[in-house]
Amino acid sequence: MDNDKTKIRVIVGGLVVKDGKFVIVQEKKESAKGLWNLPLGKLEGNETIMEGAKREIEEETGLRVELKHLIGIYQIPKTLRSGYNATEFIYLAQVIGGELRCPDDMMAVKWVTPEEFG
């Protein structure tokens, strides 16, 4: 019998691209404080993966988006820092409205070029 009690999370979000730049968010939660990431989060309730990805992007950026296509599915093994095993579904997202803003649960949100990020 397998006694592994590893928590498994489905993480959803996306790469928001506009005019050669993309959005990154700086995490505020203790487990990832100060780290820069794409707008991502946990799948909730009865959401589909696409509904959750759209919700997370819009909550973390203030932008309204349309999901274009799945970029990739990534598996991240359990780490001491996270405490769970994650599967991430990342979508390409196109901006259809809204203004970039930083929500209360993030430290910062900004547009960057691939060169600035690298």
PDB file of N, CA and C in Angstrom:
ATOM      1  N   MET A   1       0.839  -1.184   0.000  1.00  0.00           N
ATOM      2  CA  MET A   1       0.000   0.000   0.000  1.00  0.00           C
ATOM      3  C   MET A   1       0.879   1.240   0.000  1.00  0.00           C
ATOM      4  N   ASP A   2       0.508   2.218  -0.816  1.00  0.00           N
ATOM      5  CA  ASP A   2       1.271   3.458  -0.933  1.00  0.00           C
ATOM      6  C   ASP A   2       0.812   4.429   0.143  1.00  0.00           C
ATOM      7  N   ASN A   3       1.723   4.836   1.029  1.00  0.00           N
ATOM      8  CA  ASN A   3       1.394   5.764   2.113  1.00  0.00           C
ATOM      9  C   ASN A   3       1.769   7.203   1.796  1.00  0.00           C
ATOM     10  N   ASP A   4       2.135   7.481   0.538  1.00  0.00           N
ATOM     11  CA  ASP A   4       2.523   8.831   0.155  1.00  0.00           C
ATOM     12  C   ASP A   4       1.305   9.755   0.233  1.00  0.00           C
ATOM     13  N   LYS A   5       1.386  10.761   1.074  1.00  0.00           N
ATOM     14  CA  LYS A   5       0.279  11.706   1.261  1.00  0.00           C
ATOM     15  C   LYS A   5       0.546  13.016   0.521  1.00  0.00           C
ATOM     16  N   THR A   6       1.288  12.965  -0.581  1.00  0.00           N
ATOM     17  CA  THR A   6       1.609  14.157  -1.345  1.00  0.00           C
ATOM     18  C   THR A   6       0.335  14.840  -1.830  1.00  0.00           C
ATOM     19  N   LYS A   7       0.245  16.120  -1.583  1.00  0.00           N
ATOM     20  CA  LYS A   7      -0.876  16.909  -2.084  1.00  0.00           C
ATOM     21  C   LYS A   7      -0.624  17.202  -3.560  1.00  0.00           C
ATOM     22  N   ILE A   8      -1.671  17.117  -4.344  1.00  0.00           N
ATOM     23  CA  ILE A   8      -1.563  17.397  -5.768  1.00  0.00           C
ATOM     24  C   ILE A   8      -2.427  18.608  -6.078  1.00  0.00           C
ATOM     25  N   ARG A   9      -1.856  19.575  -6.795  1.00  0.00           N
ATOM     26  CA  ARG A   9      -2.586  20.784  -7.159  1.00  0.00           C
ATOM     27  C   ARG A   9      -2.578  20.951  -8.663  1.00  0.00           C
ATOM     28  N   VAL A  10      -3.684  21.445  -9.185  1.00  0.00           N
ATOM     29  CA  VAL A  10      -3.756  21.849 -10.582  1.00  0.00           C
ATOM     30  C   VAL A  10      -3.630  23.371 -10.588  1.00  0.00           C
ATOM     31  N   ILE A  11      -2.596  23.861 -11.265  1.00  0.00           N
ATOM     32  CA  ILE A  11      -2.305  25.289 -11.349  1.00  0.00           C
ATOM     33  C   ILE A  11      -2.624  25.740 -12.773  1.00  0.00           C
ATOM     34  N   VAL A  12      -3.296  26.874 -12.898  1.00  0.00           N
ATOM     35  CA  VAL A  12      -3.718  27.370 -14.201  1.00  0.00           C
ATOM     36  C   VAL A  12      -3.365  28.844 -14.345  1.00  0.00           C
ATOM     37  N   GLY A  13      -3.136  29.274 -15.572  1.00  0.00           N
ATOM     38  CA  GLY A  13      -2.830  30.672 -15.828  1.00  0.00           C
ATOM     39  C   GLY A  13      -2.309  30.848 -17.219  1.00  0.00           C
ATOM     40  N   GLY A  14      -1.538  31.917 -17.413  1.00  0.00           N
ATOM     41  CA  GLY A  14      -1.104  32.120 -18.779  1.00  0.00           C
ATOM     42  C   GLY A  14      -0.034  33.151 -19.003  1.00  0.00           C
ATOM     43  N   LEU A  15       0.338  33.195 -20.259  1.00  0.00           N
ATOM     44  CA  LEU A  15       1.303  34.145 -20.787  1.00  0.00           C
ATOM     45  C   LEU A  15       0.494  35.206 -21.515  1.00  0.00           C
ATOM     46  N   VAL A  16       0.424  36.401 -20.919  1.00  0.00           N
ATOM     47  CA  VAL A  16      -0.331  37.509 -21.488  1.00  0.00           C
ATOM     48  C   VAL A  16       0.642  38.338 -22.320  1.00  0.00           C
ATOM     49  N   VAL A  17       0.414  38.376 -23.629  1.00  0.00           N
ATOM     50  CA  VAL A  17       1.344  39.023 -24.551  1.00  0.00           C
ATOM     51  C   VAL A  17       0.663  40.193 -25.258  1.00  0.00           C
ATOM     52  N   LYS A  18       1.406  41.308 -25.384  1.00  0.00           N
ATOM     53  CA  LYS A  18       0.912  42.474 -26.118  1.00  0.00           C
ATOM     54  C   LYS A  18       2.106  43.324 -26.534  1.00  0.00           C
ATOM     55  N   ASP A  19       2.170  43.667 -27.799  1.00  0.00           N
ATOM     56  CA  ASP A  19       3.215  44.557 -28.330  1.00  0.00           C
ATOM     57  C   ASP A  19       4.627  44.096 -27.965  1.00  0.00           C
ATOM     58  N   GLY A  20       4.885  42.804 -28.047  1.00  0.00           N
ATOM     59  CA  GLY A  20       6.217  42.269 -27.790  1.00  0.00           C
ATOM     60  C   GLY A  20       6.596  42.167 -26.320  1.00  0.00           C
ATOM     61  N   LYS A  21       5.648  42.428 -25.435  1.00  0.00           N
ATOM     62  CA  LYS A  21       5.896  42.327 -23.993  1.00  0.00           C
ATOM     63  C   LYS A  21       4.935  41.316 -23.391  1.00  0.00           C
ATOM     64  N   PHE A  22       5.259  40.863 -22.160  1.00  0.00           N
ATOM     65  CA  PHE A  22       4.356  39.973 -21.439  1.00  0.00           C
ATOM     66  C   PHE A  22       4.291  40.383 -19.981  1.00  0.00           C
ATOM     67  N   VAL A  23       3.239  39.940 -19.310  1.00  0.00           N
ATOM     68  CA  VAL A  23       2.976  40.339 -17.925  1.00  0.00           C
ATOM     69  C   VAL A  23       3.610  39.346 -16.949  1.00  0.00           C
ATOM     70  N   ILE A  24       4.275  39.889 -15.927  1.00  0.00           N
ATOM     71  CA  ILE A  24       4.743  39.075 -14.801  1.00  0.00           C
ATOM     72  C   ILE A  24       4.211  39.692 -13.510  1.00  0.00           C
ATOM     73  N   VAL A  25       4.058  38.838 -12.509  1.00  0.00           N
ATOM     74  CA  VAL A  25       3.553  39.278 -11.207  1.00  0.00           C
ATOM     75  C   VAL A  25       4.564  38.898 -10.131  1.00  0.00           C
ATOM     76  N   GLN A  26       4.696  39.760  -9.128  1.00  0.00           N
ATOM     77  CA  GLN A  26       5.592  39.474  -8.011  1.00  0.00           C
ATOM     78  C   GLN A  26       4.753  38.989  -6.840  1.00  0.00           C
ATOM     79  N   GLU A  27       5.058  37.778  -6.404  1.00  0.00           N
ATOM     80  CA  GLU A  27       4.267  37.095  -5.372  1.00  0.00           C
ATOM     81  C   GLU A  27       4.392  37.766  -4.006  1.00  0.00           C
ATOM     82  N   LYS A  28       3.278  37.758  -3.281  1.00  0.00           N
ATOM     83  CA  LYS A  28       3.245  38.312  -1.926  1.00  0.00           C
ATOM     84  C   LYS A  28       3.109  37.215  -0.867  1.00  0.00           C
ATOM     85  N   LYS A  29       2.482  36.073  -1.239  1.00  0.00           N
ATOM     86  CA  LYS A  29       2.262  35.005  -0.257  1.00  0.00           C
ATOM     87  C   LYS A  29       3.600  34.478   0.254  1.00  0.00           C
ATOM     88  N   GLU A  30       3.631  34.094   1.517  1.00  0.00           N
ATOM     89  CA  GLU A  30       4.875  33.698   2.190  1.00  0.00           C
ATOM     90  C   GLU A  30       5.656  32.617   1.457  1.00  0.00           C
ATOM     91  N   SER A  31       4.978  31.614   0.911  1.00  0.00           N
ATOM     92  CA  SER A  31       5.680  30.488   0.281  1.00  0.00           C
ATOM     93  C   SER A  31       6.458  30.888  -0.973  1.00  0.00           C
ATOM     94  N   ALA A  32       6.149  32.060  -1.562  1.00  0.00           N
ATOM     95  CA  ALA A  32       6.833  32.486  -2.783  1.00  0.00           C
ATOM     96  C   ALA A  32       7.155  33.981  -2.774  1.00  0.00           C
ATOM     97  N   LYS A  33       7.149  34.588  -1.597  1.00  0.00           N
ATOM     98  CA  LYS A  33       7.291  36.044  -1.457  1.00  0.00           C
ATOM     99  C   LYS A  33       8.490  36.594  -2.236  1.00  0.00           C
ATOM    100  N   GLY A  34       8.201  37.601  -3.080  1.00  0.00           N
ATOM    101  CA  GLY A  34       9.238  38.288  -3.835  1.00  0.00           C
ATOM    102  C   GLY A  34       9.575  37.663  -5.175  1.00  0.00           C
ATOM    103  N   LEU A  35       9.121  36.448  -5.417  1.00  0.00           N
ATOM    104  CA  LEU A  35       9.424  35.783  -6.686  1.00  0.00           C
ATOM    105  C   LEU A  35       8.537  36.329  -7.804  1.00  0.00           C
ATOM    106  N   TRP A  36       9.102  36.399  -9.006  1.00  0.00           N
ATOM    107  CA  TRP A  36       8.352  36.828 -10.185  1.00  0.00           C
ATOM    108  C   TRP A  36       7.826  35.597 -10.902  1.00  0.00           C
ATOM    109  N   ASN A  37       6.608  35.701 -11.420  1.00  0.00           N
ATOM    110  CA  ASN A  37       5.953  34.559 -12.039  1.00  0.00           C
ATOM    111  C   ASN A  37       4.975  35.050 -13.095  1.00  0.00           C
ATOM    112  N   LEU A  38       4.485  34.125 -13.888  1.00  0.00           N
ATOM    113  CA  LEU A  38       3.344  34.413 -14.744  1.00  0.00           C
ATOM    114  C   LEU A  38       2.111  34.476 -13.856  1.00  0.00           C
ATOM    115  N   PRO A  39       1.035  35.116 -14.292  1.00  0.00           N
ATOM    116  CA  PRO A  39      -0.189  35.100 -13.500  1.00  0.00           C
ATOM    117  C   PRO A  39      -0.796  33.692 -13.473  1.00  0.00           C
ATOM    118  N   LEU A  40      -0.707  33.047 -12.324  1.00  0.00           N
ATOM    119  CA  LEU A  40      -1.112  31.651 -12.143  1.00  0.00           C
ATOM    120  C   LEU A  40      -1.812  31.487 -10.804  1.00  0.00           C
ATOM    121  N   GLY A  41      -2.561  30.407 -10.679  1.00  0.00           N
ATOM    122  CA  GLY A  41      -3.167  30.095  -9.398  1.00  0.00           C
ATOM    123  C   GLY A  41      -3.861  28.752  -9.434  1.00  0.00           C
ATOM    124  N   LYS A  42      -4.449  28.392  -8.297  1.00  0.00           N
ATOM    125  CA  LYS A  42      -5.107  27.089  -8.158  1.00  0.00           C
ATOM    126  C   LYS A  42      -6.448  27.066  -8.871  1.00  0.00           C
ATOM    127  N   LEU A  43      -6.736  25.914  -9.462  1.00  0.00           N
ATOM    128  CA  LEU A  43      -8.055  25.649 -10.016  1.00  0.00           C
ATOM    129  C   LEU A  43      -9.028  25.560  -8.846  1.00  0.00           C
ATOM    130  N   GLU A  44     -10.195  26.173  -8.976  1.00  0.00           N
ATOM    131  CA  GLU A  44     -11.154  26.208  -7.875  1.00  0.00           C
ATOM    132  C   GLU A  44     -12.477  25.536  -8.235  1.00  0.00           C
ATOM    133  N   GLY A  45     -13.121  24.966  -7.230  1.00  0.00           N
ATOM    134  CA  GLY A  45     -14.476  24.443  -7.346  1.00  0.00           C
ATOM    135  C   GLY A  45     -14.740  23.618  -8.577  1.00  0.00           C
ATOM    136  N   ASN A  46     -15.788  23.982  -9.280  1.00  0.00           N
ATOM    137  CA  ASN A  46     -16.204  23.252 -10.472  1.00  0.00           C
ATOM    138  C   ASN A  46     -15.730  23.910 -11.763  1.00  0.00           C
ATOM    139  N   GLU A  47     -14.663  24.697 -11.703  1.00  0.00           N
ATOM    140  CA  GLU A  47     -14.145  25.360 -12.898  1.00  0.00           C
ATOM    141  C   GLU A  47     -13.541  24.351 -13.869  1.00  0.00           C
ATOM    142  N   THR A  48     -13.622  24.695 -15.155  1.00  0.00           N
ATOM    143  CA  THR A  48     -12.816  23.976 -16.134  1.00  0.00           C
ATOM    144  C   THR A  48     -11.415  24.571 -16.068  1.00  0.00           C
ATOM    145  N   ILE A  49     -10.468  23.897 -16.659  1.00  0.00           N
ATOM    146  CA  ILE A  49      -9.087  24.408 -16.670  1.00  0.00           C
ATOM    147  C   ILE A  49      -9.036  25.766 -17.357  1.00  0.00           C
ATOM    148  N   MET A  50      -9.745  25.925 -18.471  1.00  0.00           N
ATOM    149  CA  MET A  50      -9.737  27.206 -19.188  1.00  0.00           C
ATOM    150  C   MET A  50     -10.432  28.310 -18.385  1.00  0.00           C
ATOM    151  N   GLU A  51     -11.533  28.005 -17.726  1.00  0.00           N
ATOM    152  CA  GLU A  51     -12.214  29.004 -16.893  1.00  0.00           C
ATOM    153  C   GLU A  51     -11.295  29.469 -15.763  1.00  0.00           C
ATOM    154  N   GLY A  52     -10.612  28.528 -15.133  1.00  0.00           N
ATOM    155  CA  GLY A  52      -9.700  28.876 -14.041  1.00  0.00           C
ATOM    156  C   GLY A  52      -8.534  29.711 -14.518  1.00  0.00           C
ATOM    157  N   ALA A  53      -7.962  29.369 -15.677  1.00  0.00           N
ATOM    158  CA  ALA A  53      -6.831  30.127 -16.219  1.00  0.00           C
ATOM    159  C   ALA A  53      -7.244  31.567 -16.510  1.00  0.00           C
ATOM    160  N   LYS A  54      -8.394  31.742 -17.138  1.00  0.00           N
ATOM    161  CA  LYS A  54      -8.894  33.086 -17.457  1.00  0.00           C
ATOM    162  C   LYS A  54      -9.137  33.873 -16.167  1.00  0.00           C
ATOM    163  N   ARG A  55      -9.775  33.255 -15.178  1.00  0.00           N
ATOM    164  CA  ARG A  55     -10.048  33.921 -13.904  1.00  0.00           C
ATOM    165  C   ARG A  55      -8.759  34.363 -13.222  1.00  0.00           C
ATOM    166  N   GLU A  56      -7.794  33.452 -13.126  1.00  0.00           N
ATOM    167  CA  GLU A  56      -6.529  33.787 -12.452  1.00  0.00           C
ATOM    168  C   GLU A  56      -5.808  34.937 -13.144  1.00  0.00           C
ATOM    169  N   ILE A  57      -5.726  34.892 -14.464  1.00  0.00           N
ATOM    170  CA  ILE A  57      -5.057  35.971 -15.197  1.00  0.00           C
ATOM    171  C   ILE A  57      -5.748  37.297 -14.931  1.00  0.00           C
ATOM    172  N   GLU A  58      -7.077  37.305 -15.034  1.00  0.00           N
ATOM    173  CA  GLU A  58      -7.821  38.549 -14.854  1.00  0.00           C
ATOM    174  C   GLU A  58      -7.739  39.067 -13.423  1.00  0.00           C
ATOM    175  N   GLU A  59      -7.797  38.166 -12.425  1.00  0.00           N
ATOM    176  CA  GLU A  59      -7.675  38.590 -11.021  1.00  0.00           C
ATOM    177  C   GLU A  59      -6.305  39.179 -10.725  1.00  0.00           C
ATOM    178  N   GLU A  60      -5.261  38.593 -11.291  1.00  0.00           N
ATOM    179  CA  GLU A  60      -3.898  39.014 -10.935  1.00  0.00           C
ATOM    180  C   GLU A  60      -3.374  40.174 -11.770  1.00  0.00           C
ATOM    181  N   THR A  61      -4.068  40.544 -12.853  1.00  0.00           N
ATOM    182  CA  THR A  61      -3.555  41.611 -13.721  1.00  0.00           C
ATOM    183  C   THR A  61      -4.509  42.778 -13.914  1.00  0.00           C
ATOM    184  N   GLY A  62      -5.805  42.584 -13.701  1.00  0.00           N
ATOM    185  CA  GLY A  62      -6.781  43.624 -13.998  1.00  0.00           C
ATOM    186  C   GLY A  62      -7.165  43.677 -15.468  1.00  0.00           C
ATOM    187  N   LEU A  63      -6.506  42.871 -16.283  1.00  0.00           N
ATOM    188  CA  LEU A  63      -6.781  42.834 -17.717  1.00  0.00           C
ATOM    189  C   LEU A  63      -7.887  41.834 -18.021  1.00  0.00           C
ATOM    190  N   ARG A  64      -8.696  42.127 -19.028  1.00  0.00           N
ATOM    191  CA  ARG A  64      -9.633  41.143 -19.548  1.00  0.00           C
ATOM    192  C   ARG A  64      -8.927  40.437 -20.692  1.00  0.00           C
ATOM    193  N   VAL A  65      -9.008  39.120 -20.709  1.00  0.00           N
ATOM    194  CA  VAL A  65      -8.267  38.358 -21.715  1.00  0.00           C
ATOM    195  C   VAL A  65      -9.130  37.317 -22.402  1.00  0.00           C
ATOM    196  N   GLU A  66      -8.650  36.926 -23.577  1.00  0.00           N
ATOM    197  CA  GLU A  66      -9.211  35.799 -24.311  1.00  0.00           C
ATOM    198  C   GLU A  66      -8.098  34.771 -24.430  1.00  0.00           C
ATOM    199  N   LEU A  67      -8.377  33.541 -24.039  1.00  0.00           N
ATOM    200  CA  LEU A  67      -7.373  32.489 -24.149  1.00  0.00           C
ATOM    201  C   LEU A  67      -7.317  32.023 -25.591  1.00  0.00           C
ATOM    202  N   LYS A  68      -6.100  31.983 -26.158  1.00  0.00           N
ATOM    203  CA  LYS A  68      -5.929  31.614 -27.559  1.00  0.00           C
ATOM    204  C   LYS A  68      -5.684  30.115 -27.723  1.00  0.00           C
ATOM    205  N   HIS A  69      -4.682  29.589 -27.044  1.00  0.00           N
ATOM    206  CA  HIS A  69      -4.410  28.152 -27.107  1.00  0.00           C
ATOM    207  C   HIS A  69      -3.493  27.741 -25.951  1.00  0.00           C
ATOM    208  N   LEU A  70      -3.478  26.458 -25.704  1.00  0.00           N
ATOM    209  CA  LEU A  70      -2.627  25.896 -24.656  1.00  0.00           C
ATOM    210  C   LEU A  70      -1.175  25.946 -25.116  1.00  0.00           C
ATOM    211  N   ILE A  71      -0.320  26.551 -24.305  1.00  0.00           N
ATOM    212  CA  ILE A  71       1.114  26.596 -24.603  1.00  0.00           C
ATOM    213  C   ILE A  71       1.770  25.308 -24.142  1.00  0.00           C
ATOM    214  N   GLY A  72       1.417  24.856 -22.936  1.00  0.00           N
ATOM    215  CA  GLY A  72       2.036  23.640 -22.428  1.00  0.00           C
ATOM    216  C   GLY A  72       1.470  23.207 -21.094  1.00  0.00           C
ATOM    217  N   ILE A  73       1.785  21.961 -20.777  1.00  0.00           N
ATOM    218  CA  ILE A  73       1.427  21.362 -19.489  1.00  0.00           C
ATOM    219  C   ILE A  73       2.740  20.976 -18.838  1.00  0.00           C
ATOM    220  N   TYR A  74       2.947  21.441 -17.603  1.00  0.00           N
ATOM    221  CA  TYR A  74       4.215  21.232 -16.915  1.00  0.00           C
ATOM    222  C   TYR A  74       3.974  20.591 -15.564  1.00  0.00           C
ATOM    223  N   GLN A  75       4.764  19.600 -15.235  1.00  0.00           N
ATOM    224  CA  GLN A  75       4.657  18.924 -13.942  1.00  0.00           C
ATOM    225  C   GLN A  75       5.819  19.378 -13.082  1.00  0.00           C
ATOM    226  N   ILE A  76       5.509  19.807 -11.870  1.00  0.00           N
ATOM    227  CA  ILE A  76       6.530  20.279 -10.941  1.00  0.00           C
ATOM    228  C   ILE A  76       6.467  19.403  -9.702  1.00  0.00           C
ATOM    229  N   PRO A  77       7.528  18.629  -9.442  1.00  0.00           N
ATOM    230  CA  PRO A  77       7.526  17.731  -8.276  1.00  0.00           C
ATOM    231  C   PRO A  77       7.410  18.493  -6.960  1.00  0.00           C
ATOM    232  N   LYS A  78       6.967  17.793  -5.960  1.00  0.00           N
ATOM    233  CA  LYS A  78       6.850  18.346  -4.610  1.00  0.00           C
ATOM    234  C   LYS A  78       8.196  18.896  -4.160  1.00  0.00           C
ATOM    235  N   THR A  79       8.150  20.073  -3.563  1.00  0.00           N
ATOM    236  CA  THR A  79       9.350  20.663  -2.976  1.00  0.00           C
ATOM    237  C   THR A  79       9.074  20.951  -1.516  1.00  0.00           C
ATOM    238  N   LEU A  80      10.126  21.119  -0.752  1.00  0.00           N
ATOM    239  CA  LEU A  80       9.946  21.465   0.663  1.00  0.00           C
ATOM    240  C   LEU A  80       9.231  22.794   0.801  1.00  0.00           C
ATOM    241  N   ARG A  81       9.534  23.729  -0.114  1.00  0.00           N
ATOM    242  CA  ARG A  81       8.939  25.059  -0.032  1.00  0.00           C
ATOM    243  C   ARG A  81       7.437  25.022  -0.310  1.00  0.00           C
ATOM    244  N   SER A  82       7.027  24.294  -1.367  1.00  0.00           N
ATOM    245  CA  SER A  82       5.606  24.299  -1.732  1.00  0.00           C
ATOM    246  C   SER A  82       4.802  23.265  -0.955  1.00  0.00           C
ATOM    247  N   GLY A  83       5.380  22.101  -0.707  1.00  0.00           N
ATOM    248  CA  GLY A  83       4.679  21.046  -0.001  1.00  0.00           C
ATOM    249  C   GLY A  83       3.703  20.264  -0.854  1.00  0.00           C
ATOM    250  N   TYR A  84       3.679  20.507  -2.149  1.00  0.00           N
ATOM    251  CA  TYR A  84       2.762  19.783  -3.016  1.00  0.00           C
ATOM    252  C   TYR A  84       3.370  19.513  -4.387  1.00  0.00           C
ATOM    253  N   ASN A  85       2.760  18.593  -5.092  1.00  0.00           N
ATOM    254  CA  ASN A  85       3.119  18.233  -6.450  1.00  0.00           C
ATOM    255  C   ASN A  85       2.142  18.979  -7.354  1.00  0.00           C
ATOM    256  N   ALA A  86       2.640  19.748  -8.324  1.00  0.00           N
ATOM    257  CA  ALA A  86       1.762  20.579  -9.144  1.00  0.00           C
ATOM    258  C   ALA A  86       1.818  20.191 -10.613  1.00  0.00           C
ATOM    259  N   THR A  87       0.675  20.307 -11.264  1.00  0.00           N
ATOM    260  CA  THR A  87       0.588  20.219 -12.712  1.00  0.00           C
ATOM    261  C   THR A  87       0.049  21.556 -13.181  1.00  0.00           C
ATOM    262  N   GLU A  88       0.833  22.248 -14.028  1.00  0.00           N
ATOM    263  CA  GLU A  88       0.463  23.576 -14.502  1.00  0.00           C
ATOM    264  C   GLU A  88      -0.024  23.516 -15.947  1.00  0.00           C
ATOM    265  N   PHE A  89      -1.124  24.206 -16.214  1.00  0.00           N
ATOM    266  CA  PHE A  89      -1.665  24.363 -17.555  1.00  0.00           C
ATOM    267  C   PHE A  89      -1.516  25.837 -17.920  1.00  0.00           C
ATOM    268  N   ILE A  90      -0.662  26.134 -18.904  1.00  0.00           N
ATOM    269  CA  ILE A  90      -0.345  27.512 -19.274  1.00  0.00           C
ATOM    270  C   ILE A  90      -0.915  27.810 -20.663  1.00  0.00           C
ATOM    271  N   TYR A  91      -1.695  28.890 -20.750  1.00  0.00           N
ATOM    272  CA  TYR A  91      -2.328  29.312 -21.993  1.00  0.00           C
ATOM    273  C   TYR A  91      -1.735  30.618 -22.502  1.00  0.00           C
ATOM    274  N   LEU A  92      -1.755  30.807 -23.817  1.00  0.00           N
ATOM    275  CA  LEU A  92      -1.449  32.096 -24.411  1.00  0.00           C
ATOM    276  C   LEU A  92      -2.716  32.929 -24.295  1.00  0.00           C
ATOM    277  N   ALA A  93      -2.594  34.151 -23.783  1.00  0.00           N
ATOM    278  CA  ALA A  93      -3.758  35.008 -23.566  1.00  0.00           C
ATOM    279  C   ALA A  93      -3.590  36.331 -24.302  1.00  0.00           C
ATOM    280  N   GLN A  94      -4.662  36.752 -24.954  1.00  0.00           N
ATOM    281  CA  GLN A  94      -4.686  38.021 -25.673  1.00  0.00           C
ATOM    282  C   GLN A  94      -5.503  39.023 -24.879  1.00  0.00           C
ATOM    283  N   VAL A  95      -4.985  40.240 -24.742  1.00  0.00           N
ATOM    284  CA  VAL A  95      -5.696  41.297 -24.007  1.00  0.00           C
ATOM    285  C   VAL A  95      -6.870  41.789 -24.852  1.00  0.00           C
ATOM    286  N   ILE A  96      -8.065  41.842 -24.241  1.00  0.00           N
ATOM    287  CA  ILE A  96      -9.242  42.377 -24.931  1.00  0.00           C
ATOM    288  C   ILE A  96      -9.829  43.579 -24.188  1.00  0.00           C
ATOM    289  N   GLY A  97      -9.223  43.968 -23.066  1.00  0.00           N
ATOM    290  CA  GLY A  97      -9.696  45.133 -22.325  1.00  0.00           C
ATOM    291  C   GLY A  97      -9.042  45.234 -20.964  1.00  0.00           C
ATOM    292  N   GLY A  98      -9.467  46.246 -20.222  1.00  0.00           N
ATOM    293  CA  GLY A  98      -8.950  46.435 -18.876  1.00  0.00           C
ATOM    294  C   GLY A  98      -7.648  47.210 -18.840  1.00  0.00           C
ATOM    295  N   GLU A  99      -7.179  47.449 -17.636  1.00  0.00           N
ATOM    296  CA  GLU A  99      -5.924  48.176 -17.391  1.00  0.00           C
ATOM    297  C   GLU A  99      -5.063  47.345 -16.451  1.00  0.00           C
ATOM    298  N   LEU A 100      -3.773  47.299 -16.711  1.00  0.00           N
ATOM    299  CA  LEU A 100      -2.868  46.560 -15.832  1.00  0.00           C
ATOM    300  C   LEU A 100      -2.872  47.214 -14.457  1.00  0.00           C
ATOM    301  N   ARG A 101      -3.101  46.402 -13.431  1.00  0.00           N
ATOM    302  CA  ARG A 101      -3.113  46.905 -12.055  1.00  0.00           C
ATOM    303  C   ARG A 101      -2.596  45.803 -11.131  1.00  0.00           C
ATOM    304  N   CYS A 102      -2.150  46.225  -9.967  1.00  0.00           N
ATOM    305  CA  CYS A 102      -1.623  45.284  -8.979  1.00  0.00           C
ATOM    306  C   CYS A 102      -2.684  45.039  -7.906  1.00  0.00           C
ATOM    307  N   PRO A 103      -3.169  43.798  -7.792  1.00  0.00           N
ATOM    308  CA  PRO A 103      -4.144  43.504  -6.740  1.00  0.00           C
ATOM    309  C   PRO A 103      -3.473  43.456  -5.366  1.00  0.00           C
ATOM    310  N   ASP A 104      -4.273  43.472  -4.315  1.00  0.00           N
ATOM    311  CA  ASP A 104      -3.755  43.476  -2.947  1.00  0.00           C
ATOM    312  C   ASP A 104      -2.924  42.246  -2.600  1.00  0.00           C
ATOM    313  N   ASP A 105      -3.185  41.114  -3.263  1.00  0.00           N
ATOM    314  CA  ASP A 105      -2.462  39.887  -2.909  1.00  0.00           C
ATOM    315  C   ASP A 105      -1.174  39.688  -3.715  1.00  0.00           C
ATOM    316  N   MET A 106      -0.733  40.732  -4.437  1.00  0.00           N
ATOM    317  CA  MET A 106       0.538  40.709  -5.169  1.00  0.00           C
ATOM    318  C   MET A 106       1.386  41.894  -4.721  1.00  0.00           C
ATOM    319  N   MET A 107       2.719  41.774  -4.878  1.00  0.00           N
ATOM    320  CA  MET A 107       3.610  42.886  -4.551  1.00  0.00           C
ATOM    321  C   MET A 107       3.700  43.870  -5.713  1.00  0.00           C
ATOM    322  N   ALA A 108       3.737  43.329  -6.947  1.00  0.00           N
ATOM    323  CA  ALA A 108       3.866  44.166  -8.139  1.00  0.00           C
ATOM    324  C   ALA A 108       3.402  43.384  -9.356  1.00  0.00           C
ATOM    325  N   VAL A 109       3.033  44.124 -10.386  1.00  0.00           N
ATOM    326  CA  VAL A 109       2.632  43.545 -11.672  1.00  0.00           C
ATOM    327  C   VAL A 109       3.207  44.465 -12.739  1.00  0.00           C
ATOM    328  N   LYS A 110       3.834  43.883 -13.774  1.00  0.00           N
ATOM    329  CA  LYS A 110       4.403  44.749 -14.808  1.00  0.00           C
ATOM    330  C   LYS A 110       4.543  44.028 -16.144  1.00  0.00           C
ATOM    331  N   TRP A 111       4.649  44.853 -17.194  1.00  0.00           N
ATOM    332  CA  TRP A 111       4.969  44.364 -18.527  1.00  0.00           C
ATOM    333  C   TRP A 111       6.484  44.306 -18.660  1.00  0.00           C
ATOM    334  N   VAL A 112       7.008  43.253 -19.276  1.00  0.00           N
ATOM    335  CA  VAL A 112       8.448  43.144 -19.535  1.00  0.00           C
ATOM    336  C   VAL A 112       8.674  42.584 -20.947  1.00  0.00           C
ATOM    337  N   THR A 113       9.828  42.902 -21.489  1.00  0.00           N
ATOM    338  CA  THR A 113      10.239  42.284 -22.751  1.00  0.00           C
ATOM    339  C   THR A 113      10.953  40.985 -22.413  1.00  0.00           C
ATOM    340  N   PRO A 114      11.068  40.075 -23.363  1.00  0.00           N
ATOM    341  CA  PRO A 114      11.832  38.848 -23.089  1.00  0.00           C
ATOM    342  C   PRO A 114      13.264  39.147 -22.645  1.00  0.00           C
ATOM    343  N   GLU A 115      13.875  40.208 -23.184  1.00  0.00           N
ATOM    344  CA  GLU A 115      15.253  40.571 -22.797  1.00  0.00           C
ATOM    345  C   GLU A 115      15.325  41.048 -21.346  1.00  0.00           C
ATOM    346  N   GLU A 116      14.345  41.819 -20.916  1.00  0.00           N
ATOM    347  CA  GLU A 116      14.312  42.292 -19.521  1.00  0.00           C
ATOM    348  C   GLU A 116      14.105  41.147 -18.558  1.00  0.00           C
ATOM    349  N   PHE A 117      13.327  40.156 -18.957  1.00  0.00           N
ATOM    350  CA  PHE A 117      13.035  39.023 -18.091  1.00  0.00           C
ATOM    351  C   PHE A 117      14.230  38.085 -17.990  1.00  0.00           C
ATOM    352  N   GLY A 118      14.949  37.912 -19.099  1.00  0.00           N
ATOM    353  CA  GLY A 118      16.063  36.968 -19.161  1.00  0.00           C
ATOM    354  C   GLY A 118      17.194  37.390 -18.348  1.00  0.00           C
TER     355      GLY A 118
END
